[in-house]
N, C-alpha and C. Protein backbone atom coordinates (compact mmCIF):
# COMPACT_ATOMS: atom_id res chain seq x y z
N LEU A 1 9.76 12.02 -8.38
CA LEU A 1 10.64 10.88 -8.30
C LEU A 1 10.05 9.81 -7.38
N ILE A 2 9.49 10.23 -6.25
CA ILE A 2 8.94 9.25 -5.31
C ILE A 2 7.76 8.51 -5.93
N GLN A 3 6.93 9.21 -6.69
CA GLN A 3 5.81 8.51 -7.33
C GLN A 3 6.30 7.49 -8.33
N ARG A 4 7.38 7.79 -9.02
CA ARG A 4 7.93 6.83 -9.98
C ARG A 4 8.52 5.62 -9.28
N VAL A 5 9.24 5.86 -8.18
CA VAL A 5 9.84 4.75 -7.43
C VAL A 5 8.75 3.87 -6.83
N THR A 6 7.73 4.48 -6.23
CA THR A 6 6.66 3.68 -5.65
C THR A 6 5.89 2.93 -6.74
N ALA A 7 5.73 3.54 -7.91
CA ALA A 7 5.06 2.86 -9.02
C ALA A 7 5.86 1.64 -9.47
N VAL A 8 7.17 1.74 -9.49
CA VAL A 8 8.01 0.60 -9.87
C VAL A 8 7.89 -0.52 -8.84
N VAL A 9 7.91 -0.17 -7.56
CA VAL A 9 7.75 -1.18 -6.50
C VAL A 9 6.40 -1.87 -6.65
N MET A 10 5.34 -1.11 -6.87
CA MET A 10 4.01 -1.69 -7.02
C MET A 10 3.93 -2.57 -8.26
N ALA A 11 4.56 -2.15 -9.35
CA ALA A 11 4.54 -2.95 -10.58
C ALA A 11 5.29 -4.27 -10.39
N ILE A 12 6.45 -4.23 -9.76
CA ILE A 12 7.23 -5.46 -9.52
C ILE A 12 6.44 -6.42 -8.64
N TYR A 13 5.86 -5.92 -7.57
CA TYR A 13 5.07 -6.77 -6.67
C TYR A 13 3.89 -7.38 -7.42
N THR A 14 3.21 -6.58 -8.22
CA THR A 14 2.06 -7.07 -8.96
C THR A 14 2.46 -8.17 -9.94
N VAL A 15 3.55 -7.98 -10.66
CA VAL A 15 4.02 -8.99 -11.61
C VAL A 15 4.37 -10.29 -10.88
N ILE A 16 5.05 -10.16 -9.75
CA ILE A 16 5.42 -11.36 -8.97
C ILE A 16 4.17 -12.08 -8.47
N MET A 17 3.21 -11.34 -7.93
CA MET A 17 2.00 -11.98 -7.40
C MET A 17 1.16 -12.59 -8.52
N VAL A 18 1.02 -11.91 -9.64
CA VAL A 18 0.26 -12.48 -10.76
C VAL A 18 0.95 -13.74 -11.26
N GLY A 19 2.28 -13.71 -11.38
CA GLY A 19 3.01 -14.90 -11.79
C GLY A 19 2.83 -16.05 -10.81
N TYR A 20 2.91 -15.76 -9.53
CA TYR A 20 2.73 -16.79 -8.51
C TYR A 20 1.33 -17.39 -8.58
N LEU A 21 0.33 -16.53 -8.67
CA LEU A 21 -1.05 -17.01 -8.72
C LEU A 21 -1.35 -17.79 -9.99
N TRP A 22 -0.70 -17.40 -11.07
CA TRP A 22 -0.92 -18.07 -12.34
C TRP A 22 -0.30 -19.47 -12.34
N LEU A 23 0.83 -19.62 -11.68
CA LEU A 23 1.54 -20.89 -11.68
C LEU A 23 1.05 -21.87 -10.61
N GLN A 24 0.25 -21.39 -9.66
CA GLN A 24 -0.22 -22.23 -8.57
C GLN A 24 -1.59 -22.82 -8.90
N PRO A 25 -1.87 -23.99 -8.33
CA PRO A 25 -3.25 -24.49 -8.42
C PRO A 25 -4.14 -23.56 -7.60
N PRO A 26 -5.44 -23.75 -7.66
CA PRO A 26 -6.32 -22.89 -6.85
C PRO A 26 -5.84 -22.86 -5.40
N LEU A 27 -5.71 -21.66 -4.87
CA LEU A 27 -5.15 -21.50 -3.54
C LEU A 27 -6.19 -21.72 -2.46
N ASP A 28 -5.76 -22.35 -1.40
CA ASP A 28 -6.61 -22.48 -0.22
C ASP A 28 -5.94 -21.73 0.93
N TYR A 29 -6.56 -21.78 2.08
CA TYR A 29 -6.05 -21.04 3.24
C TYR A 29 -4.63 -21.45 3.60
N ASN A 30 -4.34 -22.75 3.57
CA ASN A 30 -3.01 -23.23 3.95
C ASN A 30 -1.92 -22.71 3.02
N MET A 31 -2.22 -22.65 1.72
CA MET A 31 -1.23 -22.13 0.76
C MET A 31 -0.99 -20.63 0.98
N TRP A 32 -2.07 -19.87 1.24
CA TRP A 32 -1.92 -18.44 1.52
C TRP A 32 -1.12 -18.24 2.80
N SER A 33 -1.42 -19.05 3.81
CA SER A 33 -0.69 -18.94 5.08
C SER A 33 0.79 -19.23 4.88
N ALA A 34 1.09 -20.26 4.09
CA ALA A 34 2.49 -20.61 3.82
C ALA A 34 3.19 -19.49 3.05
N LEU A 35 2.49 -18.90 2.10
CA LEU A 35 3.10 -17.81 1.33
C LEU A 35 3.47 -16.64 2.23
N PHE A 36 2.55 -16.26 3.11
CA PHE A 36 2.81 -15.08 3.94
C PHE A 36 3.50 -15.42 5.26
N ALA A 37 3.82 -16.69 5.48
CA ALA A 37 4.64 -17.06 6.63
C ALA A 37 6.10 -16.73 6.37
N ASN A 38 6.44 -16.60 5.10
CA ASN A 38 7.81 -16.26 4.70
C ASN A 38 8.09 -14.79 5.04
N GLN A 39 9.16 -14.56 5.79
CA GLN A 39 9.52 -13.19 6.22
C GLN A 39 9.76 -12.26 5.03
N ALA A 40 10.40 -12.77 3.99
CA ALA A 40 10.67 -11.94 2.81
C ALA A 40 9.37 -11.50 2.14
N MET A 41 8.40 -12.40 2.07
CA MET A 41 7.13 -12.06 1.43
C MET A 41 6.36 -11.03 2.25
N ARG A 42 6.37 -11.19 3.57
CA ARG A 42 5.70 -10.19 4.42
C ARG A 42 6.38 -8.83 4.29
N THR A 43 7.70 -8.83 4.25
CA THR A 43 8.43 -7.56 4.13
C THR A 43 8.15 -6.90 2.78
N PHE A 44 8.18 -7.70 1.71
CA PHE A 44 7.92 -7.16 0.37
C PHE A 44 6.48 -6.67 0.27
N THR A 45 5.55 -7.38 0.92
CA THR A 45 4.15 -6.95 0.92
C THR A 45 4.00 -5.63 1.67
N LEU A 46 4.70 -5.50 2.80
CA LEU A 46 4.65 -4.23 3.53
C LEU A 46 5.26 -3.10 2.70
N LEU A 47 6.36 -3.37 2.02
CA LEU A 47 6.96 -2.37 1.14
C LEU A 47 5.97 -1.96 0.04
N PHE A 48 5.26 -2.94 -0.51
CA PHE A 48 4.24 -2.66 -1.51
C PHE A 48 3.14 -1.76 -0.93
N LEU A 49 2.64 -2.12 0.26
CA LEU A 49 1.56 -1.34 0.86
C LEU A 49 2.02 0.07 1.22
N LEU A 50 3.23 0.20 1.75
CA LEU A 50 3.75 1.54 2.05
C LEU A 50 3.90 2.35 0.76
N SER A 51 4.28 1.70 -0.32
CA SER A 51 4.37 2.38 -1.61
C SER A 51 3.00 2.84 -2.07
N VAL A 52 2.00 1.99 -1.90
CA VAL A 52 0.63 2.37 -2.28
C VAL A 52 0.17 3.57 -1.46
N PHE A 53 0.42 3.52 -0.15
CA PHE A 53 -0.03 4.61 0.72
C PHE A 53 0.67 5.92 0.38
N TYR A 54 1.98 5.86 0.16
CA TYR A 54 2.72 7.08 -0.15
C TYR A 54 2.32 7.61 -1.52
N HIS A 55 2.16 6.70 -2.48
CA HIS A 55 1.72 7.07 -3.82
C HIS A 55 0.35 7.74 -3.75
N ALA A 56 -0.54 7.18 -2.94
CA ALA A 56 -1.88 7.75 -2.77
C ALA A 56 -1.80 9.13 -2.13
N TRP A 57 -0.93 9.29 -1.13
CA TRP A 57 -0.79 10.58 -0.46
C TRP A 57 -0.38 11.66 -1.45
N ILE A 58 0.60 11.36 -2.28
CA ILE A 58 1.07 12.36 -3.23
C ILE A 58 -0.03 12.71 -4.23
N GLY A 59 -0.76 11.70 -4.71
CA GLY A 59 -1.85 11.96 -5.65
C GLY A 59 -2.97 12.78 -5.03
N VAL A 60 -3.39 12.40 -3.83
CA VAL A 60 -4.47 13.15 -3.16
C VAL A 60 -4.02 14.57 -2.84
N ARG A 61 -2.79 14.70 -2.35
CA ARG A 61 -2.28 16.03 -2.02
C ARG A 61 -2.29 16.94 -3.25
N ASP A 62 -1.84 16.42 -4.38
CA ASP A 62 -1.81 17.24 -5.59
C ASP A 62 -3.21 17.62 -6.05
N ILE A 63 -4.15 16.68 -5.99
CA ILE A 63 -5.53 16.98 -6.39
C ILE A 63 -6.14 18.02 -5.47
N VAL A 64 -5.95 17.84 -4.15
CA VAL A 64 -6.53 18.79 -3.19
C VAL A 64 -5.90 20.18 -3.39
N MET A 65 -4.60 20.24 -3.60
CA MET A 65 -3.95 21.54 -3.79
C MET A 65 -4.42 22.23 -5.07
N ASP A 66 -4.77 21.44 -6.09
CA ASP A 66 -5.22 22.02 -7.35
C ASP A 66 -6.68 22.48 -7.29
N TYR A 67 -7.53 21.74 -6.59
CA TYR A 67 -8.96 21.98 -6.70
C TYR A 67 -9.63 22.54 -5.45
N VAL A 68 -9.01 22.43 -4.29
CA VAL A 68 -9.62 22.96 -3.06
C VAL A 68 -8.90 24.25 -2.71
N LYS A 69 -9.60 25.36 -2.85
CA LYS A 69 -8.95 26.65 -2.67
C LYS A 69 -8.94 27.18 -1.23
N PRO A 70 -10.01 27.00 -0.43
CA PRO A 70 -9.97 27.54 0.94
C PRO A 70 -8.92 26.81 1.78
N PRO A 71 -7.97 27.54 2.37
CA PRO A 71 -6.89 26.90 3.12
C PRO A 71 -7.36 26.04 4.29
N GLY A 72 -8.41 26.46 4.98
CA GLY A 72 -8.91 25.68 6.11
C GLY A 72 -9.45 24.33 5.68
N VAL A 73 -10.21 24.31 4.60
CA VAL A 73 -10.76 23.07 4.09
C VAL A 73 -9.63 22.17 3.59
N ARG A 74 -8.67 22.77 2.91
CA ARG A 74 -7.52 22.02 2.40
C ARG A 74 -6.75 21.38 3.56
N LEU A 75 -6.55 22.12 4.64
CA LEU A 75 -5.84 21.59 5.80
C LEU A 75 -6.59 20.42 6.43
N VAL A 76 -7.91 20.56 6.57
CA VAL A 76 -8.71 19.48 7.16
C VAL A 76 -8.62 18.22 6.29
N ILE A 77 -8.74 18.37 4.99
CA ILE A 77 -8.65 17.21 4.10
C ILE A 77 -7.27 16.56 4.21
N HIS A 78 -6.22 17.37 4.19
CA HIS A 78 -4.86 16.83 4.31
C HIS A 78 -4.68 16.06 5.61
N VAL A 79 -5.12 16.63 6.72
CA VAL A 79 -4.97 15.97 8.02
C VAL A 79 -5.76 14.66 8.05
N LEU A 80 -6.98 14.67 7.55
CA LEU A 80 -7.79 13.45 7.54
C LEU A 80 -7.15 12.36 6.68
N VAL A 81 -6.64 12.73 5.53
CA VAL A 81 -6.00 11.75 4.66
C VAL A 81 -4.73 11.20 5.31
N ILE A 82 -3.94 12.06 5.92
CA ILE A 82 -2.72 11.61 6.60
C ILE A 82 -3.07 10.64 7.73
N LEU A 83 -4.04 11.00 8.56
CA LEU A 83 -4.45 10.12 9.66
C LEU A 83 -4.96 8.78 9.14
N MET A 84 -5.74 8.82 8.09
CA MET A 84 -6.27 7.60 7.50
C MET A 84 -5.14 6.70 6.98
N LEU A 85 -4.17 7.29 6.30
CA LEU A 85 -3.05 6.50 5.76
C LEU A 85 -2.16 5.94 6.87
N VAL A 86 -1.98 6.69 7.94
CA VAL A 86 -1.21 6.18 9.09
C VAL A 86 -1.95 5.00 9.72
N LEU A 87 -3.26 5.13 9.88
CA LEU A 87 -4.05 4.02 10.42
C LEU A 87 -3.99 2.80 9.51
N TYR A 88 -4.05 3.00 8.21
CA TYR A 88 -3.92 1.88 7.26
C TYR A 88 -2.56 1.20 7.40
N THR A 89 -1.53 2.00 7.62
CA THR A 89 -0.19 1.44 7.79
C THR A 89 -0.12 0.58 9.05
N ILE A 90 -0.65 1.09 10.15
CA ILE A 90 -0.66 0.32 11.40
C ILE A 90 -1.46 -0.97 11.22
N TRP A 91 -2.59 -0.88 10.58
CA TRP A 91 -3.44 -2.03 10.34
C TRP A 91 -2.72 -3.06 9.46
N SER A 92 -2.00 -2.60 8.45
CA SER A 92 -1.25 -3.50 7.57
C SER A 92 -0.19 -4.27 8.35
N VAL A 93 0.53 -3.59 9.22
CA VAL A 93 1.55 -4.26 10.04
C VAL A 93 0.88 -5.29 10.95
N GLN A 94 -0.25 -4.94 11.54
CA GLN A 94 -0.95 -5.88 12.40
C GLN A 94 -1.40 -7.13 11.63
N ILE A 95 -1.87 -6.94 10.43
CA ILE A 95 -2.32 -8.07 9.62
C ILE A 95 -1.13 -8.93 9.22
N LEU A 96 -0.06 -8.32 8.74
CA LEU A 96 1.08 -9.09 8.23
C LEU A 96 1.84 -9.81 9.33
N TRP A 97 1.95 -9.21 10.50
CA TRP A 97 2.73 -9.82 11.57
C TRP A 97 1.85 -10.37 12.69
N GLY A 98 0.55 -10.29 12.53
CA GLY A 98 -0.37 -10.89 13.47
C GLY A 98 -0.23 -10.43 14.90
N MET A 99 -0.05 -9.13 15.09
CA MET A 99 0.09 -8.58 16.44
C MET A 99 -1.23 -8.51 17.14
């Protein structure tokens, strides 16, 4: 269910961004800054990124559980992927809110 919900969030965001980019003249830095200065856009972008990260976690977890048999190796891969996704989340917040 979570993969389906995150996929819907990612699809909606993608359609909105493609529509925006299609309707705008060539974008420059000022237009991008104005787009992401909007609190709603930053929030929706963060929701999109969190959906991507969670969707990726579920996919990687399933692949590792199916194909990596030694429990120690599986644990190391899971921990590394979790740490990487948490760092990506922190980095995304820093980029979007300019901390």
